[in-house]
Amino acid sequence: MHVKKEIRSWWLSSLLLLGILMVNIGCGGDNASVADVIKFGNIEYLRVSQHGGRFITSNDLGPIFAYVQSNTISSNHPLQNGNATTLDPGTPVYRVKGYVPTFRLAAYDQSHTLALYEADTNPYAKKGGDLLDIAGKVQSLHILKDDGETEITTVTNSIQIQQLVGMILSAPVDQNRPYVDEPHYFLSFHLKDGTVVSRSYGIHSHILDRGILLPELFGQLIDHIVKT
């Protein structure tokens, strides 16, 4: 997948919470806004914001997963395995303890900040659990308005959390669907290790980014929780 309109249109809807680091890079005399993306094993990972939860530290790092092979910022060429848009060639990319590498990876950026990356585009994903490794890891669910800042309510009931997360993990995935311009909530999953996973949720389409097709029952449950 190209780092172009498909990613950008979706990412603009999720920017406030998922927080892709947008950097200005001079390219041929022009400034280009480039999403912070890495690609390994045909999976594209986007850098996510860690605000709202615990920032990962060196203690969270597992073994080295891979090294960045090359850097590309061109929107005219698809990312290849080993490519990164902002990380320097030779940068080690680490596993994150407690999570499968098809979901989370980490690397130190040029400012020596430990960046967290989560899978966005996975051509092998068939269900939500292939994209989000959060089974049995959610402590609470925070539902926010589409400004990404105003909290509506928090779900702490373990039965409700299990039901909602179970639907997400078993839901089918279609990452070829275009971004739908509609009202959104942000669902912020606060995990038991203190970190946070945040995704935009389409209120009418029942699509959880990116491409998780939730049943109407999920929307009904969210609507009930919001109104009570």
Protein backbone atom coordinates (compact mmCIF):
# COMPACT_ATOMS: atom_id res chain seq x y z
CA MET A 1 0.00 0.00 0.00
CA HIS A 2 1.27 3.46 -0.86
CA VAL A 3 1.81 6.13 1.76
CA LYS A 4 -0.70 8.32 -0.01
CA LYS A 5 -4.41 9.18 0.00
CA GLU A 6 -5.61 5.85 1.45
CA ILE A 7 -3.49 6.21 4.58
CA ARG A 8 -3.85 9.97 4.87
CA SER A 9 -7.62 10.08 4.52
CA TRP A 10 -8.02 7.44 7.19
CA TRP A 11 -5.33 8.86 9.38
CA LEU A 12 -6.77 12.36 9.44
CA SER A 13 -9.79 10.90 11.21
CA SER A 14 -7.62 9.24 13.84
CA LEU A 15 -4.79 11.73 14.23
CA LEU A 16 -5.76 13.15 17.61
CA LEU A 17 -5.44 9.87 19.47
CA LEU A 18 -3.36 7.62 17.32
CA GLY A 19 -1.03 10.53 16.82
CA ILE A 20 1.04 9.63 13.79
CA LEU A 21 4.12 11.78 13.92
CA MET A 22 3.90 14.12 10.96
CA VAL A 23 7.22 15.58 9.98
CA ASN A 24 8.16 18.12 7.37
CA ILE A 25 10.87 16.84 5.11
CA GLY A 26 12.42 18.81 2.30
CA CYS A 27 12.03 16.86 -0.88
CA GLY A 28 13.22 18.40 -4.13
CA GLY A 29 12.77 21.85 -2.62
CA ASP A 30 9.20 21.16 -1.53
CA ASN A 31 7.99 20.36 1.97
CA ALA A 32 6.14 17.05 2.16
CA SER A 33 4.17 15.82 5.15
CA VAL A 34 5.13 12.21 5.68
CA ALA A 35 3.52 9.73 8.04
CA ASP A 36 5.94 7.83 10.28
CA VAL A 37 5.63 4.32 8.86
CA ILE A 38 7.73 1.16 8.84
CA LYS A 39 7.13 -2.03 6.89
CA PHE A 40 8.19 -5.59 7.65
CA GLY A 41 6.72 -8.90 6.55
CA ASN A 42 4.30 -7.04 4.26
CA ILE A 43 2.75 -5.34 7.30
CA GLU A 44 2.79 -1.54 7.52
CA TYR A 45 3.08 -0.13 11.03
CA LEU A 46 2.18 3.43 11.97
CA ARG A 47 3.71 5.35 14.85
CA VAL A 48 1.06 5.96 17.48
CA SER A 49 0.71 8.47 20.26
CA GLN A 50 1.37 7.14 23.74
CA HIS A 51 -0.44 10.02 25.44
CA GLY A 52 -3.21 8.94 27.76
CA GLY A 53 -1.29 5.90 28.94
CA ARG A 54 2.12 4.79 30.10
CA PHE A 55 4.96 5.48 27.72
CA ILE A 56 6.97 2.39 26.91
CA THR A 57 10.55 2.22 28.16
CA SER A 58 13.61 0.14 27.42
CA ASN A 59 12.25 -2.42 29.90
CA ASP A 60 9.39 -3.10 27.48
CA LEU A 61 11.69 -4.01 24.63
CA GLY A 62 12.15 -7.58 23.54
CA PRO A 63 14.80 -8.80 21.12
CA ILE A 64 15.60 -7.00 17.89
CA PHE A 65 13.00 -7.90 15.30
CA ALA A 66 14.61 -6.34 12.22
CA TYR A 67 16.70 -3.43 11.00
CA VAL A 68 15.55 -0.59 8.78
CA GLN A 69 17.09 -1.22 5.37
CA SER A 70 16.28 2.01 3.61
CA ASN A 71 14.43 5.28 3.99
CA THR A 72 11.79 6.44 1.55
CA ILE A 73 9.59 9.54 1.64
CA SER A 74 8.16 9.32 -1.87
CA SER A 75 4.40 9.13 -2.15
CA ASN A 76 4.84 7.81 -5.68
CA HIS A 77 6.42 4.52 -4.68
CA PRO A 78 5.02 1.81 -2.42
CA LEU A 79 6.89 0.93 0.74
CA GLN A 80 8.94 -2.23 0.51
CA ASN A 81 9.79 -4.58 3.36
CA GLY A 82 12.54 -3.00 5.43
CA ASN A 83 11.53 0.53 4.40
CA ALA A 84 10.83 3.37 6.80
CA THR A 85 9.64 6.88 6.08
CA THR A 86 11.46 8.67 8.90
CA LEU A 87 13.79 6.21 10.65
CA ASP A 88 17.38 6.06 9.42
CA PRO A 89 18.75 3.00 7.65
CA GLY A 90 20.33 0.63 10.13
CA THR A 91 17.92 1.55 12.94
CA PRO A 92 17.08 -1.54 14.99
CA VAL A 93 13.39 -2.28 15.42
CA TYR A 94 12.40 -4.22 18.54
CA ARG A 95 9.64 -6.54 19.60
CA VAL A 96 7.51 -5.26 22.47
CA LYS A 97 7.24 -7.63 25.42
CA GLY A 98 3.82 -9.17 25.85
CA TYR A 99 2.67 -8.50 22.29
CA VAL A 100 2.97 -10.34 19.01
CA PRO A 101 5.20 -8.54 16.49
CA THR A 102 2.35 -8.46 13.98
CA PHE A 103 0.71 -5.91 16.29
CA ARG A 104 3.41 -3.84 18.03
CA LEU A 105 7.00 -2.91 17.36
CA ALA A 106 9.23 -0.18 18.78
CA ALA A 107 12.30 1.80 17.73
CA TYR A 108 14.32 4.81 18.82
CA ASP A 109 13.85 7.77 16.49
CA GLN A 110 16.47 10.35 15.52
CA SER A 111 15.88 12.26 18.76
CA HIS A 112 16.43 9.04 20.77
CA THR A 113 12.75 8.94 21.74
CA LEU A 114 11.32 5.44 22.00
CA ALA A 115 8.55 5.29 19.41
CA LEU A 116 5.72 2.78 19.46
CA TYR A 117 4.38 1.39 16.19
CA GLU A 118 1.15 -0.54 15.70
CA ALA A 119 0.00 -2.50 12.68
CA ASP A 120 -2.19 -0.59 10.27
CA THR A 121 -2.12 -2.51 7.00
CA ASN A 122 -1.88 -6.28 7.29
CA PRO A 123 -2.75 -8.21 4.12
CA TYR A 124 -3.02 -11.41 6.15
CA ALA A 125 -5.56 -10.07 8.66
CA LYS A 126 -8.87 -11.91 8.48
CA LYS A 127 -10.36 -10.88 11.81
CA GLY A 128 -9.90 -8.12 14.36
CA GLY A 129 -7.68 -10.27 16.54
CA ASP A 130 -5.15 -10.40 13.69
CA LEU A 131 -4.75 -6.62 13.98
CA LEU A 132 -5.20 -6.00 17.70
CA ASP A 133 -3.42 -8.19 20.24
CA ILE A 134 -5.55 -7.11 23.20
CA ALA A 135 -7.32 -10.33 24.24
CA GLY A 136 -7.43 -10.49 28.04
CA LYS A 137 -5.39 -7.27 28.30
CA VAL A 138 -8.04 -4.53 28.54
CA GLN A 139 -8.50 -2.91 31.94
CA SER A 140 -10.99 -0.24 30.88
CA LEU A 141 -12.52 1.28 27.77
CA HIS A 142 -12.75 5.05 27.42
CA ILE A 143 -15.22 6.43 24.87
CA LEU A 144 -14.38 9.90 23.61
CA LYS A 145 -16.04 12.35 21.24
CA ASP A 146 -14.62 12.78 17.75
CA ASP A 147 -12.44 15.64 18.94
CA GLY A 148 -10.31 12.94 20.53
CA GLU A 149 -10.17 14.80 23.83
CA THR A 150 -13.62 15.00 25.40
CA GLU A 151 -14.38 11.84 27.33
CA ILE A 152 -18.00 10.70 27.26
CA THR A 153 -17.80 7.72 29.58
CA THR A 154 -15.57 4.93 30.82
CA VAL A 155 -16.40 1.23 30.82
CA THR A 156 -14.89 -0.71 33.72
CA ASN A 157 -17.38 -3.56 33.98
CA SER A 158 -15.38 -6.67 33.13
CA ILE A 159 -18.35 -8.43 31.53
CA GLN A 160 -19.07 -5.48 29.22
CA ILE A 161 -15.39 -5.20 28.33
CA GLN A 162 -15.17 -8.91 27.56
CA GLN A 163 -18.27 -8.72 25.36
CA LEU A 164 -17.12 -5.67 23.41
CA VAL A 165 -13.52 -6.81 22.99
CA GLY A 166 -14.70 -10.29 22.01
CA MET A 167 -16.77 -8.82 19.17
CA ILE A 168 -13.80 -6.78 17.99
CA LEU A 169 -11.41 -9.72 17.98
CA SER A 170 -13.81 -11.99 16.08
CA ALA A 171 -15.09 -9.39 13.58
CA PRO A 172 -14.08 -9.73 9.92
CA VAL A 173 -11.54 -7.36 8.41
CA ASP A 174 -11.76 -5.54 5.08
CA GLN A 175 -8.95 -3.04 4.67
CA ASN A 176 -9.89 -2.18 1.11
CA ARG A 177 -12.95 -0.22 2.13
CA PRO A 178 -12.54 3.53 1.62
CA TYR A 179 -12.65 5.92 4.53
CA VAL A 180 -16.23 6.91 5.41
CA ASP A 181 -16.84 10.54 6.33
CA GLU A 182 -19.25 10.12 9.23
CA PRO A 183 -19.53 10.88 12.95
CA HIS A 184 -16.96 9.02 15.00
CA TYR A 185 -16.15 8.07 18.53
CA PHE A 186 -12.64 7.32 19.66
CA LEU A 187 -12.36 4.07 21.58
CA SER A 188 -9.37 4.11 23.89
CA PHE A 189 -8.48 0.74 25.36
CA HIS A 190 -6.46 1.12 28.55
CA LEU A 191 -4.46 -2.05 28.92
CA LYS A 192 -3.41 -3.82 32.09
CA ASP A 193 0.25 -2.93 31.53
CA GLY A 194 -0.63 0.78 31.54
CA THR A 195 -0.34 1.37 27.80
CA VAL A 196 -3.22 2.50 25.60
CA VAL A 197 -4.57 1.40 22.23
CA SER A 198 -6.84 3.95 20.52
CA ARG A 199 -8.93 3.56 17.39
CA SER A 200 -11.55 5.61 15.59
CA TYR A 201 -15.01 4.04 15.40
CA GLY A 202 -17.61 4.98 12.77
CA ILE A 203 -20.95 5.41 14.51
CA HIS A 204 -23.04 4.55 11.42
CA SER A 205 -20.78 2.14 9.54
CA HIS A 206 -19.65 0.30 12.70
CA ILE A 207 -16.12 0.18 11.31
CA LEU A 208 -13.25 0.25 13.77
CA ASP A 209 -10.02 1.48 12.24
CA ARG A 210 -8.55 0.03 10.33
CA GLY A 211 -11.13 -2.05 8.49
CA ILE A 212 -12.63 -4.04 11.38
CA LEU A 213 -16.30 -4.59 10.45
CA LEU A 214 -18.24 -4.72 13.68
CA PRO A 215 -21.81 -6.01 13.96
CA GLU A 216 -24.75 -3.71 14.57
CA LEU A 217 -25.02 -5.17 18.07
CA PHE A 218 -21.66 -3.58 18.91
CA GLY A 219 -23.04 -0.18 17.96
CA GLN A 220 -26.17 -0.77 20.01
CA LEU A 221 -24.09 -1.63 23.06
CA ILE A 222 -21.89 1.44 22.62
CA ASP A 223 -24.97 3.62 22.16
CA HIS A 224 -26.53 2.18 25.32
CA ILE A 225 -23.32 2.75 27.30
CA VAL A 226 -23.03 6.34 26.06
CA LYS A 227 -26.63 7.15 26.98
CA THR A 228 -26.58 5.62 30.46
